């Protein structure tokens, strides 16, 4: 697991337009900056490269209440669209206990603290892959 800001900044293109292909970490940077602006708590970044093909990074954050979780998720969804990343797939927004935002290469989970503790995704995804069995 890495700190939320470690390796996320790549700079801005000369023309000021975000280019995902030119700056592959731009999506992660937008997600982290937006979570910070929305006052999300305990933000963690998990590098998924080599663990799964669902994305490159997983970001896990907490909101103080259902209302805060919903507000953080809404803010992030709007920012992703405004920055040209489109509208990701969203699950759990009506209940706001756990909102999942699939932004492509970055998967974002926003939890209420009790729900985050129960599922403990950091532990599950931070574990190293077990060695593959050899067929004999």
C-alpha atoms as a PDB file:
ATOM      1  CA  UNK A   1       0.000   0.000   0.000  1.00  0.00           C
ATOM      2  CA  UNK A   2       1.268   3.480  -0.871  1.00  0.00           C
ATOM      3  CA  UNK A   3       0.494   6.834   0.604  1.00  0.00           C
ATOM      4  CA  UNK A   4      -2.252   8.707  -1.183  1.00  0.00           C
ATOM      5  CA  UNK A   5       0.037  11.194  -2.915  1.00  0.00           C
ATOM      6  CA  UNK A   6       3.072   8.996  -3.611  1.00  0.00           C
ATOM      7  CA  UNK A   7       3.790   8.927  -7.322  1.00  0.00           C
ATOM      8  CA  UNK A   8       0.472  10.494  -8.315  1.00  0.00           C
ATOM      9  CA  UNK A   9       1.731  13.814  -9.704  1.00  0.00           C
ATOM     10  CA  UNK A  10       2.949  13.946 -13.302  1.00  0.00           C
ATOM     11  CA  UNK A  11       2.523  17.641 -14.164  1.00  0.00           C
ATOM     12  CA  UNK A  12       0.170  19.428 -16.529  1.00  0.00           C
ATOM     13  CA  UNK A  13       0.546  19.451 -20.310  1.00  0.00           C
ATOM     14  CA  UNK A  14       1.611  22.760 -21.901  1.00  0.00           C
ATOM     15  CA  UNK A  15      -1.827  23.382 -23.361  1.00  0.00           C
ATOM     16  CA  UNK A  16      -3.454  22.897 -19.936  1.00  0.00           C
ATOM     17  CA  UNK A  17      -5.711  20.077 -21.171  1.00  0.00           C
ATOM     18  CA  UNK A  18      -5.622  16.820 -19.228  1.00  0.00           C
ATOM     19  CA  UNK A  19      -4.357  13.997 -21.396  1.00  0.00           C
ATOM     20  CA  UNK A  20      -4.776  10.561 -19.896  1.00  0.00           C
ATOM     21  CA  UNK A  21      -2.545   8.862 -22.449  1.00  0.00           C
ATOM     22  CA  UNK A  22       0.261  11.401 -22.062  1.00  0.00           C
ATOM     23  CA  UNK A  23      -0.063  11.366 -18.270  1.00  0.00           C
ATOM     24  CA  UNK A  24      -1.205   7.922 -17.114  1.00  0.00           C
ATOM     25  CA  UNK A  25      -1.334   8.972 -13.450  1.00  0.00           C
ATOM     26  CA  UNK A  26      -3.596  11.953 -14.186  1.00  0.00           C
ATOM     27  CA  UNK A  27      -6.754   9.986 -13.351  1.00  0.00           C
ATOM     28  CA  UNK A  28      -5.334   8.952  -9.983  1.00  0.00           C
ATOM     29  CA  UNK A  29      -4.248  12.549  -9.325  1.00  0.00           C
ATOM     30  CA  UNK A  30      -7.756  13.867 -10.072  1.00  0.00           C
ATOM     31  CA  UNK A  31      -9.309  11.236  -7.788  1.00  0.00           C
ATOM     32  CA  UNK A  32      -6.954  12.019  -4.895  1.00  0.00           C
ATOM     33  CA  UNK A  33      -7.298  15.791  -5.247  1.00  0.00           C
ATOM     34  CA  UNK A  34     -11.086  15.511  -5.382  1.00  0.00           C
ATOM     35  CA  UNK A  35     -11.269  13.257  -2.322  1.00  0.00           C
ATOM     36  CA  UNK A  36      -9.046  15.715  -0.477  1.00  0.00           C
ATOM     37  CA  UNK A  37     -11.257  18.667  -1.487  1.00  0.00           C
ATOM     38  CA  UNK A  38     -14.372  16.758  -0.372  1.00  0.00           C
ATOM     39  CA  UNK A  39     -12.788  16.105   3.048  1.00  0.00           C
ATOM     40  CA  UNK A  40     -12.731  12.324   2.643  1.00  0.00           C
ATOM     41  CA  UNK A  41     -10.897  10.643   5.514  1.00  0.00           C
ATOM     42  CA  UNK A  42      -8.245   7.911   5.733  1.00  0.00           C
ATOM     43  CA  UNK A  43      -7.538   7.832   1.996  1.00  0.00           C
ATOM     44  CA  UNK A  44      -5.432   4.827   0.963  1.00  0.00           C
ATOM     45  CA  UNK A  45      -4.072   3.840  -2.462  1.00  0.00           C
ATOM     46  CA  UNK A  46      -3.419   0.208  -3.322  1.00  0.00           C
ATOM     47  CA  UNK A  47      -1.364  -0.653  -6.401  1.00  0.00           C
ATOM     48  CA  UNK A  48      -3.198  -3.396  -8.308  1.00  0.00           C
ATOM     49  CA  UNK A  49      -0.666  -3.877 -11.090  1.00  0.00           C
ATOM     50  CA  UNK A  50       0.252  -7.544 -11.282  1.00  0.00           C
ATOM     51  CA  UNK A  51      -2.583  -8.552  -8.931  1.00  0.00           C
ATOM     52  CA  UNK A  52      -5.629  -8.187 -11.189  1.00  0.00           C
ATOM     53  CA  UNK A  53      -6.747  -6.843 -14.533  1.00  0.00           C
ATOM     54  CA  UNK A  54      -9.669  -4.814 -13.116  1.00  0.00           C
ATOM     55  CA  UNK A  55      -7.544  -1.673 -12.805  1.00  0.00           C
ATOM     56  CA  UNK A  56      -4.172  -0.194 -11.980  1.00  0.00           C
ATOM     57  CA  UNK A  57      -5.060   1.346  -8.625  1.00  0.00           C
ATOM     58  CA  UNK A  58      -7.685   1.051  -5.933  1.00  0.00           C
ATOM     59  CA  UNK A  59      -8.465   4.054  -3.764  1.00  0.00           C
ATOM     60  CA  UNK A  60     -10.268   3.523  -0.470  1.00  0.00           C
ATOM     61  CA  UNK A  61     -11.656   6.415   1.549  1.00  0.00           C
ATOM     62  CA  UNK A  62     -14.079   7.025   4.384  1.00  0.00           C
ATOM     63  CA  UNK A  63     -16.859   9.517   4.922  1.00  0.00           C
ATOM     64  CA  UNK A  64     -18.091  10.515   8.358  1.00  0.00           C
ATOM     65  CA  UNK A  65     -21.733   9.602   7.695  1.00  0.00           C
ATOM     66  CA  UNK A  66     -24.048   8.353   4.945  1.00  0.00           C
ATOM     67  CA  UNK A  67     -24.638  11.936   3.874  1.00  0.00           C
ATOM     68  CA  UNK A  68     -20.880  12.627   3.705  1.00  0.00           C
ATOM     69  CA  UNK A  69     -20.225   9.401   1.757  1.00  0.00           C
ATOM     70  CA  UNK A  70     -22.886  10.417  -0.769  1.00  0.00           C
ATOM     71  CA  UNK A  71     -21.528  13.963  -1.055  1.00  0.00           C
ATOM     72  CA  UNK A  72     -17.948  12.719  -1.582  1.00  0.00           C
ATOM     73  CA  UNK A  73     -19.114  10.272  -4.253  1.00  0.00           C
ATOM     74  CA  UNK A  74     -21.247  12.899  -6.023  1.00  0.00           C
ATOM     75  CA  UNK A  75     -18.354  15.363  -5.985  1.00  0.00           C
ATOM     76  CA  UNK A  76     -15.990  12.764  -7.452  1.00  0.00           C
ATOM     77  CA  UNK A  77     -18.427  11.668 -10.163  1.00  0.00           C
ATOM     78  CA  UNK A  78     -18.937  15.297 -11.244  1.00  0.00           C
ATOM     79  CA  UNK A  79     -15.196  16.050 -11.219  1.00  0.00           C
ATOM     80  CA  UNK A  80     -14.354  12.973 -13.305  1.00  0.00           C
ATOM     81  CA  UNK A  81     -16.899  14.041 -15.912  1.00  0.00           C
ATOM     82  CA  UNK A  82     -15.686  17.664 -15.879  1.00  0.00           C
ATOM     83  CA  UNK A  83     -12.072  16.525 -16.331  1.00  0.00           C
ATOM     84  CA  UNK A  84     -12.972  14.458 -19.399  1.00  0.00           C
ATOM     85  CA  UNK A  85     -12.833  10.973 -17.883  1.00  0.00           C
ATOM     86  CA  UNK A  86     -16.516  10.333 -18.546  1.00  0.00           C
ATOM     87  CA  UNK A  87     -19.013   8.945 -16.109  1.00  0.00           C
ATOM     88  CA  UNK A  88     -17.762   5.838 -14.409  1.00  0.00           C
ATOM     89  CA  UNK A  89     -20.005   3.032 -13.270  1.00  0.00           C
ATOM     90  CA  UNK A  90     -21.399   3.676  -9.813  1.00  0.00           C
ATOM     91  CA  UNK A  91     -22.843   1.239  -7.271  1.00  0.00           C
ATOM     92  CA  UNK A  92     -24.333   1.889  -3.834  1.00  0.00           C
ATOM     93  CA  UNK A  93     -25.176   5.580  -4.190  1.00  0.00           C
ATOM     94  CA  UNK A  94     -28.797   5.287  -2.952  1.00  0.00           C
ATOM     95  CA  UNK A  95     -27.754   3.705   0.389  1.00  0.00           C
ATOM     96  CA  UNK A  96     -24.410   5.530   0.826  1.00  0.00           C
ATOM     97  CA  UNK A  97     -22.907   2.953   3.200  1.00  0.00           C
ATOM     98  CA  UNK A  98     -20.393   1.892   0.542  1.00  0.00           C
ATOM     99  CA  UNK A  99     -20.157   3.602  -2.829  1.00  0.00           C
ATOM    100  CA  UNK A 100     -18.056   2.047  -5.576  1.00  0.00           C
ATOM    101  CA  UNK A 101     -16.966   4.206  -8.512  1.00  0.00           C
ATOM    102  CA  UNK A 102     -15.315   2.345 -11.383  1.00  0.00           C
ATOM    103  CA  UNK A 103     -13.386   5.042 -13.245  1.00  0.00           C
ATOM    104  CA  UNK A 104     -11.564   2.582 -15.504  1.00  0.00           C
ATOM    105  CA  UNK A 105      -7.981   2.214 -14.361  1.00  0.00           C
ATOM    106  CA  UNK A 106      -8.831   3.520 -10.889  1.00  0.00           C
ATOM    107  CA  UNK A 107     -11.450   1.850  -8.691  1.00  0.00           C
ATOM    108  CA  UNK A 108     -12.705   4.056  -5.850  1.00  0.00           C
ATOM    109  CA  UNK A 109     -14.475   2.828  -2.710  1.00  0.00           C
ATOM    110  CA  UNK A 110     -16.012   5.348  -0.317  1.00  0.00           C
ATOM    111  CA  UNK A 111     -17.215   3.811   2.945  1.00  0.00           C
ATOM    112  CA  UNK A 112     -18.789   4.707   6.222  1.00  0.00           C
ATOM    113  CA  UNK A 113     -16.068   3.842   8.792  1.00  0.00           C
ATOM    114  CA  UNK A 114     -17.934   0.846  10.279  1.00  0.00           C
ATOM    115  CA  UNK A 115     -18.553  -0.686   6.860  1.00  0.00           C
ATOM    116  CA  UNK A 116     -14.932  -0.129   5.822  1.00  0.00           C
ATOM    117  CA  UNK A 117     -13.702  -1.854   8.951  1.00  0.00           C
ATOM    118  CA  UNK A 118     -16.058  -4.808   8.382  1.00  0.00           C
ATOM    119  CA  UNK A 119     -14.955  -5.483   4.775  1.00  0.00           C
ATOM    120  CA  UNK A 120     -11.288  -4.552   5.323  1.00  0.00           C
ATOM    121  CA  UNK A 121     -10.431  -4.277   1.618  1.00  0.00           C
ATOM    122  CA  UNK A 122      -6.971  -2.910   2.411  1.00  0.00           C
ATOM    123  CA  UNK A 123      -5.962  -6.201   3.982  1.00  0.00           C
ATOM    124  CA  UNK A 124      -7.452  -8.302   1.192  1.00  0.00           C
ATOM    125  CA  UNK A 125      -5.913  -6.348  -1.711  1.00  0.00           C
ATOM    126  CA  UNK A 126      -2.597  -5.527  -0.068  1.00  0.00           C
ATOM    127  CA  UNK A 127      -1.722  -9.185   0.389  1.00  0.00           C
ATOM    128  CA  UNK A 128       0.829 -10.637  -1.985  1.00  0.00           C
ATOM    129  CA  UNK A 129      -0.330 -13.138  -4.562  1.00  0.00           C
ATOM    130  CA  UNK A 130       0.226 -16.725  -3.453  1.00  0.00           C
ATOM    131  CA  UNK A 131       2.755 -18.651  -5.454  1.00  0.00           C
ATOM    132  CA  UNK A 132       1.128 -20.515  -8.307  1.00  0.00           C
ATOM    133  CA  UNK A 133       1.020 -24.264  -7.975  1.00  0.00           C
ATOM    134  CA  UNK A 134       3.144 -26.288 -10.306  1.00  0.00           C
ATOM    135  CA  UNK A 135       1.358 -29.012 -12.203  1.00  0.00           C
ATOM    136  CA  UNK A 136       3.140 -32.326 -11.721  1.00  0.00           C
END
